């Protein structure tokens, strides 16, 4: 005999679907008040469902109490668009960037509160930094992760800090919410972020975001190098590489 629990689970899916549809019809973002009114859900019910959806990357909570379609949904859509294989599409550009800087170049996606490395190209030199494909790292200790947090807005950064506790990986890791917001908002405005030995002593990174033709963040691109070899004049190169990959997504 079926219990009310099975029906309750289906009802939550129906309500989440209605909330996501309302976000789409409102151009991709809307306030809790709008979402509640247009779906007929009580604000507290809509809030609980949206909070769970945000934890799973299906929606993002942004400044001003607004919600928008989440990065994970956008990444899934991008991966399926025209049969696009993002690593395959990005690899020639990554190799171009690798040859320019002679250091490791990484392609990453956001998964919840972490980035996951899905592709890399490495230089021929013996001493190099290598990120293992499939490995994960917290957003606040990586250059690309900082960019993703900055793009998500103050409230999302506050929520991230509360969920994770901002654990330290080195003595350089940012571990306070206020300092993290100051850093990631500055990175977002300037269009790139640095990892200054925040994930691993001796390693420095430069990270930027990759967006699709609609301006949605779909991935991150970074250069990883021994900290003494990392150069800020690589910033225009990694930004150009991201633009080239973005152009292939249109």
Protein backbone atom coordinates (compact mmCIF):
# COMPACT_ATOMS: atom_id res chain seq x y z
CA UNK A 1 0.00 0.00 0.00
CA UNK A 2 1.36 3.40 -0.98
CA UNK A 3 1.83 5.98 1.73
CA UNK A 4 1.37 9.73 1.64
CA UNK A 5 5.19 10.04 1.54
CA UNK A 6 5.34 8.99 -2.12
CA UNK A 7 2.68 11.49 -3.09
CA UNK A 8 4.41 14.17 -1.01
CA UNK A 9 7.65 13.55 -2.91
CA UNK A 10 5.87 13.87 -6.25
CA UNK A 11 4.18 17.06 -5.06
CA UNK A 12 7.54 18.64 -4.23
CA UNK A 13 8.77 17.86 -7.75
CA UNK A 14 5.62 19.40 -9.21
CA UNK A 15 6.12 22.53 -7.12
CA UNK A 16 9.80 22.81 -7.99
CA UNK A 17 8.90 22.46 -11.67
CA UNK A 18 6.38 25.28 -11.31
CA UNK A 19 8.96 27.50 -9.62
CA UNK A 20 11.56 26.84 -12.31
CA UNK A 21 9.01 27.50 -15.05
CA UNK A 22 8.12 30.81 -13.39
CA UNK A 23 11.81 31.79 -13.32
CA UNK A 24 12.02 31.09 -17.06
CA UNK A 25 8.90 33.10 -17.87
CA UNK A 26 10.29 36.01 -15.84
CA UNK A 27 13.50 36.12 -17.85
CA UNK A 28 15.53 33.82 -15.61
CA UNK A 29 15.18 35.62 -12.26
CA UNK A 30 12.42 36.67 -9.89
CA UNK A 31 11.75 37.57 -6.27
CA UNK A 32 10.26 35.18 -3.72
CA UNK A 33 7.13 37.35 -3.72
CA UNK A 34 6.72 36.96 -7.49
CA UNK A 35 7.44 33.23 -7.42
CA UNK A 36 4.95 32.68 -4.61
CA UNK A 37 2.24 34.74 -6.29
CA UNK A 38 2.59 33.19 -9.75
CA UNK A 39 2.78 29.58 -8.54
CA UNK A 40 0.14 29.93 -5.83
CA UNK A 41 2.54 28.57 -3.22
CA UNK A 42 2.73 29.98 0.28
CA UNK A 43 5.94 32.04 0.64
CA UNK A 44 7.30 29.72 3.35
CA UNK A 45 6.69 26.67 1.14
CA UNK A 46 8.32 28.31 -1.87
CA UNK A 47 11.26 29.40 0.29
CA UNK A 48 11.88 25.86 1.58
CA UNK A 49 11.81 24.36 -1.91
CA UNK A 50 14.04 27.08 -3.34
CA UNK A 51 16.53 26.65 -0.49
CA UNK A 52 16.83 22.93 -1.22
CA UNK A 53 17.09 23.63 -4.95
CA UNK A 54 19.87 26.16 -4.24
CA UNK A 55 21.80 23.57 -2.22
CA UNK A 56 21.73 21.35 -5.32
CA UNK A 57 22.72 24.07 -7.79
CA UNK A 58 19.31 24.22 -9.49
CA UNK A 59 18.71 27.85 -8.49
CA UNK A 60 20.94 30.62 -7.17
CA UNK A 61 19.97 33.16 -4.52
CA UNK A 62 21.28 36.58 -5.52
CA UNK A 63 21.31 40.07 -4.07
CA UNK A 64 18.04 41.83 -3.31
CA UNK A 65 16.20 38.62 -2.40
CA UNK A 66 16.06 37.50 -6.02
CA UNK A 67 16.38 33.95 -7.32
CA UNK A 68 17.68 32.84 -10.70
CA UNK A 69 18.21 29.62 -12.61
CA UNK A 70 21.21 27.82 -11.17
CA UNK A 71 24.59 27.24 -12.75
CA UNK A 72 24.19 23.47 -12.70
CA UNK A 73 21.04 23.70 -14.83
CA UNK A 74 22.86 26.00 -17.23
CA UNK A 75 25.82 23.63 -17.44
CA UNK A 76 23.55 20.69 -18.21
CA UNK A 77 21.76 22.70 -20.89
CA UNK A 78 25.05 23.79 -22.40
CA UNK A 79 26.44 20.25 -22.42
CA UNK A 80 23.38 19.05 -24.35
CA UNK A 81 23.16 22.01 -26.73
CA UNK A 82 23.77 20.65 -30.19
CA UNK A 83 25.55 17.63 -28.73
CA UNK A 84 28.36 19.87 -27.49
CA UNK A 85 31.20 18.13 -25.68
CA UNK A 86 32.66 20.99 -23.68
CA UNK A 87 36.11 19.48 -23.00
CA UNK A 88 36.48 18.51 -26.66
CA UNK A 89 35.35 21.95 -27.79
CA UNK A 90 37.67 23.75 -25.37
CA UNK A 91 40.80 21.64 -25.77
CA UNK A 92 42.26 23.32 -28.90
CA UNK A 93 41.98 26.72 -27.22
CA UNK A 94 43.44 25.32 -24.00
CA UNK A 95 46.39 23.98 -25.98
CA UNK A 96 46.88 27.41 -27.57
CA UNK A 97 46.96 28.98 -24.10
CA UNK A 98 49.29 26.27 -22.78
CA UNK A 99 51.75 26.94 -25.59
CA UNK A 100 51.64 30.69 -24.84
CA UNK A 101 52.39 30.38 -21.12
CA UNK A 102 54.08 26.95 -20.97
CA UNK A 103 52.09 26.02 -17.86
CA UNK A 104 49.12 23.77 -17.04
CA UNK A 105 45.66 24.94 -18.21
CA UNK A 106 42.49 23.61 -16.53
CA UNK A 107 38.79 23.48 -17.40
CA UNK A 108 36.39 23.30 -14.45
CA UNK A 109 32.70 23.12 -13.65
CA UNK A 110 30.87 24.04 -10.48
CA UNK A 111 29.32 21.19 -8.51
CA UNK A 112 27.58 22.54 -5.42
CA UNK A 113 30.17 24.20 -3.20
CA UNK A 114 33.14 22.90 -5.19
CA UNK A 115 34.78 23.07 -8.58
CA UNK A 116 35.51 19.83 -10.41
CA UNK A 117 38.33 19.54 -12.94
CA UNK A 118 37.02 18.06 -16.21
CA UNK A 119 39.94 18.71 -18.60
CA UNK A 120 43.57 19.83 -18.52
CA UNK A 121 46.51 20.30 -20.84
CA UNK A 122 50.04 20.23 -19.50
CA UNK A 123 53.39 21.63 -20.71
CA UNK A 124 56.38 19.51 -21.59
CA UNK A 125 58.54 20.91 -18.80
CA UNK A 126 59.45 18.56 -15.97
CA UNK A 127 58.47 20.88 -13.07
CA UNK A 128 54.77 21.67 -13.48
CA UNK A 129 51.48 21.77 -11.58
CA UNK A 130 48.96 19.06 -12.44
CA UNK A 131 45.34 18.96 -11.34
CA UNK A 132 43.82 15.47 -11.52
CA UNK A 133 40.80 15.25 -13.82
CA UNK A 134 37.77 14.45 -11.68
CA UNK A 135 39.25 15.99 -8.54
CA UNK A 136 37.34 18.60 -6.52
CA UNK A 137 38.28 21.74 -4.60
CA UNK A 138 36.22 24.18 -2.50
CA UNK A 139 35.18 27.37 -4.26
CA UNK A 140 36.88 29.76 -1.84
CA UNK A 141 40.39 28.34 -2.32
CA UNK A 142 40.45 28.39 -6.14
CA UNK A 143 40.71 31.26 -8.61
CA UNK A 144 37.76 30.06 -10.71
CA UNK A 145 35.74 29.36 -7.58
CA UNK A 146 36.24 32.93 -6.43
CA UNK A 147 34.91 34.15 -9.77
CA UNK A 148 31.85 31.93 -9.45
CA UNK A 149 31.17 33.19 -5.94
CA UNK A 150 31.61 36.81 -7.02
CA UNK A 151 29.14 36.35 -9.86
CA UNK A 152 26.60 34.76 -7.51
CA UNK A 153 26.35 37.85 -5.27
CA UNK A 154 26.66 38.79 -1.62
CA UNK A 155 23.80 36.64 -0.28
CA UNK A 156 25.08 33.55 -2.08
CA UNK A 157 28.57 34.14 -0.64
CA UNK A 158 27.09 34.57 2.84
CA UNK A 159 25.17 31.30 2.46
CA UNK A 160 28.26 29.51 1.14
CA UNK A 161 30.33 30.69 4.10
CA UNK A 162 27.66 29.53 6.56
CA UNK A 163 27.35 26.10 4.92
CA UNK A 164 31.04 25.36 4.59
CA UNK A 165 32.62 27.20 7.49
CA UNK A 166 35.41 28.33 5.10
CA UNK A 167 37.98 25.71 6.14
CA UNK A 168 41.65 26.68 5.81
CA UNK A 169 43.84 24.65 3.46
CA UNK A 170 46.94 26.79 3.95
CA UNK A 171 47.87 29.84 6.02
CA UNK A 172 46.83 31.96 3.01
CA UNK A 173 43.24 30.66 2.77
CA UNK A 174 40.50 33.25 3.32
CA UNK A 175 38.48 32.07 6.31
CA UNK A 176 36.17 35.00 7.19
CA UNK A 177 32.93 35.81 5.31
CA UNK A 178 33.55 39.56 5.14
CA UNK A 179 37.02 39.21 3.70
CA UNK A 180 35.80 36.57 1.24
CA UNK A 181 33.06 38.86 -0.09
CA UNK A 182 35.50 41.76 -0.42
CA UNK A 183 37.88 39.53 -2.40
CA UNK A 184 35.38 37.82 -4.70
CA UNK A 185 33.45 41.01 -5.49
CA UNK A 186 36.72 42.71 -6.45
CA UNK A 187 37.65 39.73 -8.63
CA UNK A 188 34.25 39.78 -10.32
CA UNK A 189 34.61 43.48 -11.17
CA UNK A 190 38.13 43.12 -12.59
CA UNK A 191 37.28 40.00 -14.62
CA UNK A 192 39.82 37.56 -13.19
CA UNK A 193 40.88 36.04 -9.88
CA UNK A 194 44.08 34.76 -8.35
CA UNK A 195 44.79 31.84 -6.06
CA UNK A 196 47.83 32.92 -4.03
CA UNK A 197 48.83 29.62 -2.41
CA UNK A 198 45.36 29.39 -0.88
CA UNK A 199 44.72 25.76 -1.84
CA UNK A 200 48.33 24.51 -1.84
CA UNK A 201 51.60 26.09 -0.77
CA UNK A 202 53.83 26.84 -3.73
CA UNK A 203 50.98 26.91 -6.30
CA UNK A 204 49.47 30.02 -7.87
CA UNK A 205 46.56 30.23 -10.33
CA UNK A 206 44.78 32.72 -12.55
CA UNK A 207 41.09 32.02 -13.23
CA UNK A 208 38.33 33.41 -15.43
CA UNK A 209 34.78 32.42 -16.34
CA UNK A 210 33.45 30.96 -19.57
CA UNK A 211 29.95 32.05 -20.60
CA UNK A 212 27.66 30.84 -23.36
CA UNK A 213 25.98 33.00 -25.98
CA UNK A 214 23.31 34.04 -23.47
CA UNK A 215 25.90 35.23 -20.97
CA UNK A 216 25.31 32.29 -18.62
CA UNK A 217 28.35 30.93 -16.75
CA UNK A 218 29.03 27.39 -17.93
CA UNK A 219 32.61 26.72 -16.82
CA UNK A 220 35.87 28.15 -15.59
CA UNK A 221 39.32 28.32 -17.18
CA UNK A 222 42.55 28.63 -15.23
CA UNK A 223 46.33 28.52 -15.42
CA UNK A 224 48.14 26.69 -12.62
CA UNK A 225 51.85 27.25 -12.06
CA UNK A 226 54.49 27.29 -9.36
CA UNK A 227 53.90 30.57 -7.55
CA UNK A 228 57.33 31.96 -8.45
CA UNK A 229 56.62 31.47 -12.18
CA UNK A 230 53.07 32.82 -12.31
CA UNK A 231 52.87 36.13 -14.18
CA UNK A 232 50.11 38.73 -14.22
CA UNK A 233 50.77 39.51 -17.87
CA UNK A 234 49.09 36.15 -18.56
CA UNK A 235 45.73 37.63 -17.55
CA UNK A 236 44.87 38.98 -21.05
CA UNK A 237 45.83 35.61 -22.54
CA UNK A 238 43.56 33.54 -20.30
CA UNK A 239 40.75 36.08 -20.84
CA UNK A 240 41.21 35.79 -24.61
CA UNK A 241 41.13 31.99 -24.35
CA UNK A 242 37.87 32.17 -22.42
CA UNK A 243 36.39 34.46 -25.09
CA UNK A 244 37.42 32.01 -27.82
CA UNK A 245 35.79 29.10 -26.02
CA UNK A 246 32.66 31.17 -25.37
CA UNK A 247 32.46 31.99 -29.07
CA UNK A 248 32.41 28.26 -29.86
CA UNK A 249 29.36 27.85 -27.63
CA UNK A 250 27.20 30.28 -29.62
